[in-house]
Amino acid sequence: MKRDMDLVRDMLKAIEDADGPLSLRDFELSGHTQESVYYHLRLLYDKGMIEGVLAEDDIGELRKARVDGLTWDGQDFLYAIADKKVWDKVKDAVAKSVGSASFEVIKQVAEVLIVSTIKAHMPGI
């Protein structure tokens, strides 16, 4: 299955906006299959971006989940891509240059865009 960074962003935002722990049914995001949502939840967990518990059945399919929140790294990644303008520029830059990129590269591109935007609003820096 191919990684969908828009889905990753949507999931991170949903976790951040939640008032408490989330379960699998809380991730019914329109336009995405249940398998895709489960796959991306596993990616986020394995990457250390979310805290919680994921339970799989005997054949490795995700059956239960409790997502307690974002980790420090999850928060940092989300904050780097949370702004829609920054996110669109990041996706465009990656698509035009290399096609796809890792979490780290996407975060770095977003951070460069954010810093350059801030610098543009602060003459003399």
N, C-alpha and C. Protein backbone atom coordinates (compact mmCIF):
# COMPACT_ATOMS: atom_id res chain seq x y z
N MET A 1 0.85 -1.17 0.00
CA MET A 1 0.00 0.00 0.00
C MET A 1 0.90 1.24 0.00
N LYS A 2 0.49 2.24 -0.73
CA LYS A 2 1.26 3.46 -0.84
C LYS A 2 0.92 4.43 0.29
N ARG A 3 1.94 5.09 0.80
CA ARG A 3 1.73 6.06 1.87
C ARG A 3 1.07 7.31 1.31
N ASP A 4 0.07 7.81 2.03
CA ASP A 4 -0.69 8.99 1.63
C ASP A 4 -0.45 10.07 2.68
N MET A 5 0.39 11.04 2.35
CA MET A 5 0.76 12.05 3.33
C MET A 5 -0.39 13.00 3.66
N ASP A 6 -1.35 13.16 2.75
CA ASP A 6 -2.53 13.95 3.10
C ASP A 6 -3.34 13.24 4.19
N LEU A 7 -3.45 11.93 4.08
CA LEU A 7 -4.14 11.15 5.11
C LEU A 7 -3.39 11.22 6.43
N VAL A 8 -2.07 11.11 6.38
CA VAL A 8 -1.25 11.23 7.58
C VAL A 8 -1.52 12.58 8.26
N ARG A 9 -1.52 13.64 7.49
CA ARG A 9 -1.78 14.98 8.03
C ARG A 9 -3.17 15.06 8.66
N ASP A 10 -4.17 14.53 7.96
CA ASP A 10 -5.54 14.54 8.48
C ASP A 10 -5.65 13.75 9.79
N MET A 11 -4.99 12.63 9.85
CA MET A 11 -5.04 11.80 11.05
C MET A 11 -4.36 12.50 12.23
N LEU A 12 -3.21 13.10 11.98
CA LEU A 12 -2.51 13.82 13.04
C LEU A 12 -3.35 14.98 13.56
N LYS A 13 -4.01 15.69 12.65
CA LYS A 13 -4.87 16.80 13.06
C LYS A 13 -6.05 16.29 13.89
N ALA A 14 -6.64 15.17 13.49
CA ALA A 14 -7.76 14.59 14.24
C ALA A 14 -7.33 14.18 15.64
N ILE A 15 -6.14 13.63 15.76
CA ILE A 15 -5.62 13.23 17.06
C ILE A 15 -5.38 14.46 17.93
N GLU A 16 -4.78 15.48 17.34
CA GLU A 16 -4.51 16.70 18.10
C GLU A 16 -5.82 17.36 18.58
N ASP A 17 -6.84 17.33 17.75
CA ASP A 17 -8.11 17.99 18.07
C ASP A 17 -8.98 17.20 19.05
N ALA A 18 -8.65 15.95 19.29
CA ALA A 18 -9.48 15.09 20.13
C ALA A 18 -9.41 15.52 21.60
N ASP A 19 -10.53 15.33 22.29
CA ASP A 19 -10.61 15.66 23.71
C ASP A 19 -10.11 14.52 24.60
N GLY A 20 -9.90 13.36 24.02
CA GLY A 20 -9.45 12.20 24.78
C GLY A 20 -8.97 11.13 23.83
N PRO A 21 -8.76 9.92 24.33
CA PRO A 21 -8.29 8.83 23.48
C PRO A 21 -9.26 8.55 22.32
N LEU A 22 -8.71 8.09 21.22
CA LEU A 22 -9.49 7.73 20.04
C LEU A 22 -9.40 6.24 19.80
N SER A 23 -10.46 5.67 19.21
CA SER A 23 -10.47 4.26 18.83
C SER A 23 -10.46 4.17 17.31
N LEU A 24 -10.44 2.96 16.79
CA LEU A 24 -10.41 2.78 15.34
C LEU A 24 -11.59 3.46 14.65
N ARG A 25 -12.78 3.35 15.23
CA ARG A 25 -13.96 3.92 14.57
C ARG A 25 -13.91 5.45 14.52
N ASP A 26 -13.07 6.07 15.34
CA ASP A 26 -12.93 7.52 15.30
C ASP A 26 -12.15 7.99 14.07
N PHE A 27 -11.54 7.06 13.36
CA PHE A 27 -10.73 7.40 12.18
C PHE A 27 -11.42 7.07 10.87
N GLU A 28 -12.72 7.14 10.85
CA GLU A 28 -13.46 6.93 9.60
C GLU A 28 -13.42 8.22 8.80
N LEU A 29 -12.34 8.38 8.05
CA LEU A 29 -12.11 9.60 7.28
C LEU A 29 -12.66 9.40 5.87
N SER A 30 -13.45 10.32 5.42
CA SER A 30 -14.11 10.18 4.11
C SER A 30 -13.08 10.06 2.99
N GLY A 31 -13.41 9.21 2.04
CA GLY A 31 -12.55 9.02 0.89
C GLY A 31 -11.42 8.03 1.10
N HIS A 32 -11.36 7.42 2.28
CA HIS A 32 -10.28 6.47 2.57
C HIS A 32 -10.86 5.15 3.04
N THR A 33 -10.28 4.07 2.56
CA THR A 33 -10.74 2.76 2.99
C THR A 33 -10.29 2.49 4.43
N GLN A 34 -10.98 1.58 5.07
CA GLN A 34 -10.63 1.18 6.42
C GLN A 34 -9.21 0.63 6.45
N GLU A 35 -8.84 -0.14 5.44
CA GLU A 35 -7.50 -0.73 5.37
C GLU A 35 -6.44 0.35 5.27
N SER A 36 -6.72 1.39 4.48
CA SER A 36 -5.76 2.48 4.33
C SER A 36 -5.58 3.24 5.64
N VAL A 37 -6.69 3.50 6.32
CA VAL A 37 -6.61 4.20 7.61
C VAL A 37 -5.83 3.35 8.60
N TYR A 38 -6.08 2.06 8.68
CA TYR A 38 -5.36 1.18 9.60
C TYR A 38 -3.87 1.16 9.27
N TYR A 39 -3.57 1.06 7.97
CA TYR A 39 -2.17 1.03 7.53
C TYR A 39 -1.44 2.30 7.98
N HIS A 40 -2.06 3.43 7.79
CA HIS A 40 -1.43 4.70 8.15
C HIS A 40 -1.35 4.89 9.67
N LEU A 41 -2.31 4.37 10.38
CA LEU A 41 -2.26 4.41 11.84
C LEU A 41 -1.06 3.60 12.32
N ARG A 42 -0.84 2.45 11.72
CA ARG A 42 0.32 1.62 12.05
C ARG A 42 1.62 2.35 11.73
N LEU A 43 1.67 3.02 10.57
CA LEU A 43 2.87 3.78 10.21
C LEU A 43 3.17 4.86 11.25
N LEU A 44 2.14 5.60 11.64
CA LEU A 44 2.32 6.67 12.62
C LEU A 44 2.79 6.11 13.96
N TYR A 45 2.23 4.99 14.36
CA TYR A 45 2.63 4.34 15.61
C TYR A 45 4.08 3.86 15.53
N ASP A 46 4.40 3.15 14.45
CA ASP A 46 5.75 2.62 14.28
C ASP A 46 6.80 3.73 14.19
N LYS A 47 6.41 4.87 13.63
CA LYS A 47 7.32 6.01 13.49
C LYS A 47 7.49 6.77 14.80
N GLY A 48 6.67 6.45 15.78
CA GLY A 48 6.77 7.12 17.08
C GLY A 48 6.09 8.48 17.11
N MET A 49 5.09 8.67 16.25
CA MET A 49 4.39 9.95 16.19
C MET A 49 3.14 9.97 17.04
N ILE A 50 2.64 8.79 17.39
CA ILE A 50 1.45 8.72 18.23
C ILE A 50 1.69 7.79 19.41
N GLU A 51 0.97 8.07 20.51
CA GLU A 51 1.02 7.23 21.69
C GLU A 51 -0.28 6.46 21.79
N GLY A 52 -0.20 5.24 22.27
CA GLY A 52 -1.39 4.43 22.45
C GLY A 52 -1.07 2.96 22.35
N VAL A 53 -2.10 2.18 22.04
CA VAL A 53 -1.96 0.73 21.93
C VAL A 53 -2.66 0.28 20.66
N LEU A 54 -1.95 -0.51 19.87
CA LEU A 54 -2.54 -1.12 18.67
C LEU A 54 -2.53 -2.62 18.86
N ALA A 55 -3.65 -3.28 18.60
CA ALA A 55 -3.76 -4.73 18.75
C ALA A 55 -4.13 -5.35 17.42
N GLU A 56 -3.37 -6.37 17.03
CA GLU A 56 -3.60 -7.07 15.78
C GLU A 56 -4.08 -8.49 16.05
N ASP A 57 -4.76 -9.07 15.04
CA ASP A 57 -5.20 -10.45 15.17
C ASP A 57 -4.06 -11.39 14.77
N ASP A 58 -4.36 -12.68 14.67
CA ASP A 58 -3.34 -13.69 14.38
C ASP A 58 -2.68 -13.54 13.02
N ILE A 59 -3.35 -12.88 12.09
CA ILE A 59 -2.76 -12.72 10.76
C ILE A 59 -2.21 -11.31 10.53
N GLY A 60 -2.09 -10.53 11.60
CA GLY A 60 -1.46 -9.23 11.53
C GLY A 60 -2.36 -8.07 11.14
N GLU A 61 -3.67 -8.29 11.13
CA GLU A 61 -4.58 -7.19 10.80
C GLU A 61 -4.95 -6.43 12.07
N LEU A 62 -4.95 -5.12 11.95
CA LEU A 62 -5.28 -4.27 13.09
C LEU A 62 -6.74 -4.45 13.46
N ARG A 63 -7.00 -4.78 14.73
CA ARG A 63 -8.36 -5.03 15.19
C ARG A 63 -8.82 -4.01 16.22
N LYS A 64 -7.92 -3.55 17.06
CA LYS A 64 -8.27 -2.59 18.09
C LYS A 64 -7.16 -1.55 18.19
N ALA A 65 -7.55 -0.37 18.55
CA ALA A 65 -6.56 0.68 18.77
C ALA A 65 -7.10 1.67 19.79
N ARG A 66 -6.20 2.18 20.58
CA ARG A 66 -6.49 3.32 21.44
C ARG A 66 -5.35 4.29 21.22
N VAL A 67 -5.68 5.44 20.65
CA VAL A 67 -4.68 6.46 20.40
C VAL A 67 -4.85 7.53 21.47
N ASP A 68 -3.83 7.67 22.30
CA ASP A 68 -3.90 8.59 23.42
C ASP A 68 -3.51 10.01 23.05
N GLY A 69 -2.72 10.16 22.01
CA GLY A 69 -2.30 11.50 21.61
C GLY A 69 -1.06 11.45 20.75
N LEU A 70 -0.54 12.62 20.48
CA LEU A 70 0.68 12.75 19.67
C LEU A 70 1.90 12.75 20.59
N THR A 71 2.99 12.21 20.09
CA THR A 71 4.26 12.31 20.80
C THR A 71 4.87 13.68 20.49
N TRP A 72 6.00 13.95 21.10
CA TRP A 72 6.72 15.20 20.81
C TRP A 72 7.02 15.29 19.31
N ASP A 73 7.52 14.19 18.74
CA ASP A 73 7.84 14.17 17.31
C ASP A 73 6.58 14.32 16.46
N GLY A 74 5.49 13.72 16.89
CA GLY A 74 4.23 13.87 16.17
C GLY A 74 3.75 15.31 16.17
N GLN A 75 3.87 15.97 17.32
CA GLN A 75 3.50 17.38 17.41
C GLN A 75 4.38 18.22 16.50
N ASP A 76 5.69 17.99 16.55
CA ASP A 76 6.62 18.77 15.72
C ASP A 76 6.31 18.60 14.24
N PHE A 77 6.06 17.35 13.83
CA PHE A 77 5.76 17.11 12.42
C PHE A 77 4.46 17.80 12.02
N LEU A 78 3.43 17.67 12.85
CA LEU A 78 2.16 18.30 12.54
C LEU A 78 2.30 19.82 12.49
N TYR A 79 2.99 20.41 13.44
CA TYR A 79 3.15 21.86 13.43
C TYR A 79 3.88 22.33 12.18
N ALA A 80 4.81 21.53 11.69
CA ALA A 80 5.54 21.91 10.48
C ALA A 80 4.64 21.92 9.25
N ILE A 81 3.61 21.06 9.23
CA ILE A 81 2.76 20.94 8.03
C ILE A 81 1.32 21.36 8.28
N ALA A 82 1.01 21.91 9.44
CA ALA A 82 -0.37 22.22 9.79
C ALA A 82 -0.97 23.32 8.92
N ASP A 83 -0.20 24.36 8.62
CA ASP A 83 -0.71 25.46 7.81
C ASP A 83 -0.95 24.98 6.37
N LYS A 84 -2.15 25.20 5.86
CA LYS A 84 -2.53 24.73 4.52
C LYS A 84 -1.62 25.29 3.43
N LYS A 85 -1.26 26.57 3.55
CA LYS A 85 -0.38 27.18 2.53
C LYS A 85 0.99 26.51 2.53
N VAL A 86 1.53 26.29 3.71
CA VAL A 86 2.83 25.62 3.82
C VAL A 86 2.72 24.20 3.28
N TRP A 87 1.67 23.48 3.68
CA TRP A 87 1.48 22.10 3.23
C TRP A 87 1.41 22.02 1.71
N ASP A 88 0.64 22.90 1.09
CA ASP A 88 0.53 22.90 -0.37
C ASP A 88 1.87 23.18 -1.04
N LYS A 89 2.64 24.11 -0.48
CA LYS A 89 3.96 24.41 -1.04
C LYS A 89 4.92 23.24 -0.87
N VAL A 90 4.86 22.58 0.27
CA VAL A 90 5.71 21.41 0.51
C VAL A 90 5.38 20.31 -0.50
N LYS A 91 4.11 20.00 -0.64
CA LYS A 91 3.71 18.95 -1.59
C LYS A 91 4.15 19.31 -3.01
N ASP A 92 3.99 20.56 -3.39
CA ASP A 92 4.37 21.01 -4.73
C ASP A 92 5.88 20.89 -4.93
N ALA A 93 6.65 21.34 -3.95
CA ALA A 93 8.11 21.28 -4.05
C ALA A 93 8.61 19.84 -4.16
N VAL A 94 8.04 18.97 -3.34
CA VAL A 94 8.45 17.56 -3.37
C VAL A 94 8.04 16.92 -4.70
N ALA A 95 6.82 17.16 -5.13
CA ALA A 95 6.33 16.56 -6.38
C ALA A 95 7.16 17.01 -7.58
N LYS A 96 7.51 18.28 -7.63
CA LYS A 96 8.25 18.81 -8.78
C LYS A 96 9.72 18.39 -8.77
N SER A 97 10.27 18.11 -7.59
CA SER A 97 11.70 17.81 -7.53
C SER A 97 12.02 16.32 -7.49
N VAL A 98 11.41 15.60 -6.57
CA VAL A 98 11.75 14.18 -6.42
C VAL A 98 10.57 13.23 -6.45
N GLY A 99 9.37 13.76 -6.42
CA GLY A 99 8.17 12.92 -6.50
C GLY A 99 7.61 12.50 -5.16
N SER A 100 8.45 11.99 -4.28
CA SER A 100 8.02 11.62 -2.94
C SER A 100 9.21 11.77 -2.00
N ALA A 101 8.91 11.80 -0.70
CA ALA A 101 10.00 12.01 0.26
C ALA A 101 9.62 11.40 1.60
N SER A 102 10.61 11.25 2.44
CA SER A 102 10.41 10.69 3.78
C SER A 102 9.76 11.73 4.70
N PHE A 103 9.32 11.24 5.86
CA PHE A 103 8.78 12.14 6.88
C PHE A 103 9.79 13.25 7.18
N GLU A 104 11.05 12.86 7.36
CA GLU A 104 12.07 13.81 7.75
C GLU A 104 12.27 14.88 6.69
N VAL A 105 12.32 14.48 5.43
CA VAL A 105 12.52 15.45 4.35
C VAL A 105 11.31 16.38 4.25
N ILE A 106 10.13 15.84 4.34
CA ILE A 106 8.92 16.67 4.29
C ILE A 106 8.93 17.68 5.43
N LYS A 107 9.30 17.23 6.62
CA LYS A 107 9.36 18.14 7.76
C LYS A 107 10.41 19.22 7.53
N GLN A 108 11.57 18.85 7.01
CA GLN A 108 12.63 19.82 6.77
C GLN A 108 12.23 20.86 5.73
N VAL A 109 11.57 20.41 4.67
CA VAL A 109 11.10 21.34 3.64
C VAL A 109 10.10 22.31 4.25
N ALA A 110 9.18 21.80 5.05
CA ALA A 110 8.19 22.66 5.71
C ALA A 110 8.87 23.66 6.63
N GLU A 111 9.84 23.21 7.38
CA GLU A 111 10.54 24.11 8.30
C GLU A 111 11.29 25.20 7.56
N VAL A 112 11.92 24.86 6.43
CA VAL A 112 12.61 25.87 5.61
C VAL A 112 11.60 26.91 5.11
N LEU A 113 10.45 26.45 4.64
CA LEU A 113 9.42 27.38 4.18
C LEU A 113 8.93 28.29 5.31
N ILE A 114 8.73 27.72 6.48
CA ILE A 114 8.27 28.50 7.62
C ILE A 114 9.30 29.55 8.01
N VAL A 115 10.56 29.14 8.11
CA VAL A 115 11.63 30.07 8.49
C VAL A 115 11.77 31.18 7.45
N SER A 116 11.70 30.82 6.17
CA SER A 116 11.83 31.86 5.14
C SER A 116 10.65 32.82 5.16
N THR A 117 9.46 32.33 5.48
CA THR A 117 8.29 33.20 5.59
C THR A 117 8.43 34.15 6.77
N ILE A 118 8.91 33.63 7.88
CA ILE A 118 9.12 34.47 9.07
C ILE A 118 10.18 35.53 8.78
N LYS A 119 11.27 35.11 8.15
CA LYS A 119 12.35 36.06 7.83
C LYS A 119 11.86 37.15 6.90
N ALA A 120 10.97 36.81 5.97
CA ALA A 120 10.44 37.81 5.05
C ALA A 120 9.64 38.88 5.78
N HIS A 121 9.11 38.54 6.93
CA HIS A 121 8.33 39.49 7.73
C HIS A 121 9.15 40.19 8.80
N MET A 122 10.45 39.90 8.83
CA MET A 122 11.34 40.50 9.83
C MET A 122 12.55 41.10 9.13
N PRO A 123 12.43 42.31 8.62
CA PRO A 123 13.56 42.96 7.94
C PRO A 123 14.79 43.02 8.84
N GLY A 124 15.92 42.81 8.23
CA GLY A 124 17.18 42.91 8.97
C GLY A 124 17.68 41.61 9.54
N ILE A 125 16.97 40.54 9.31
CA ILE A 125 17.43 39.24 9.83
C ILE A 125 18.06 38.44 8.72
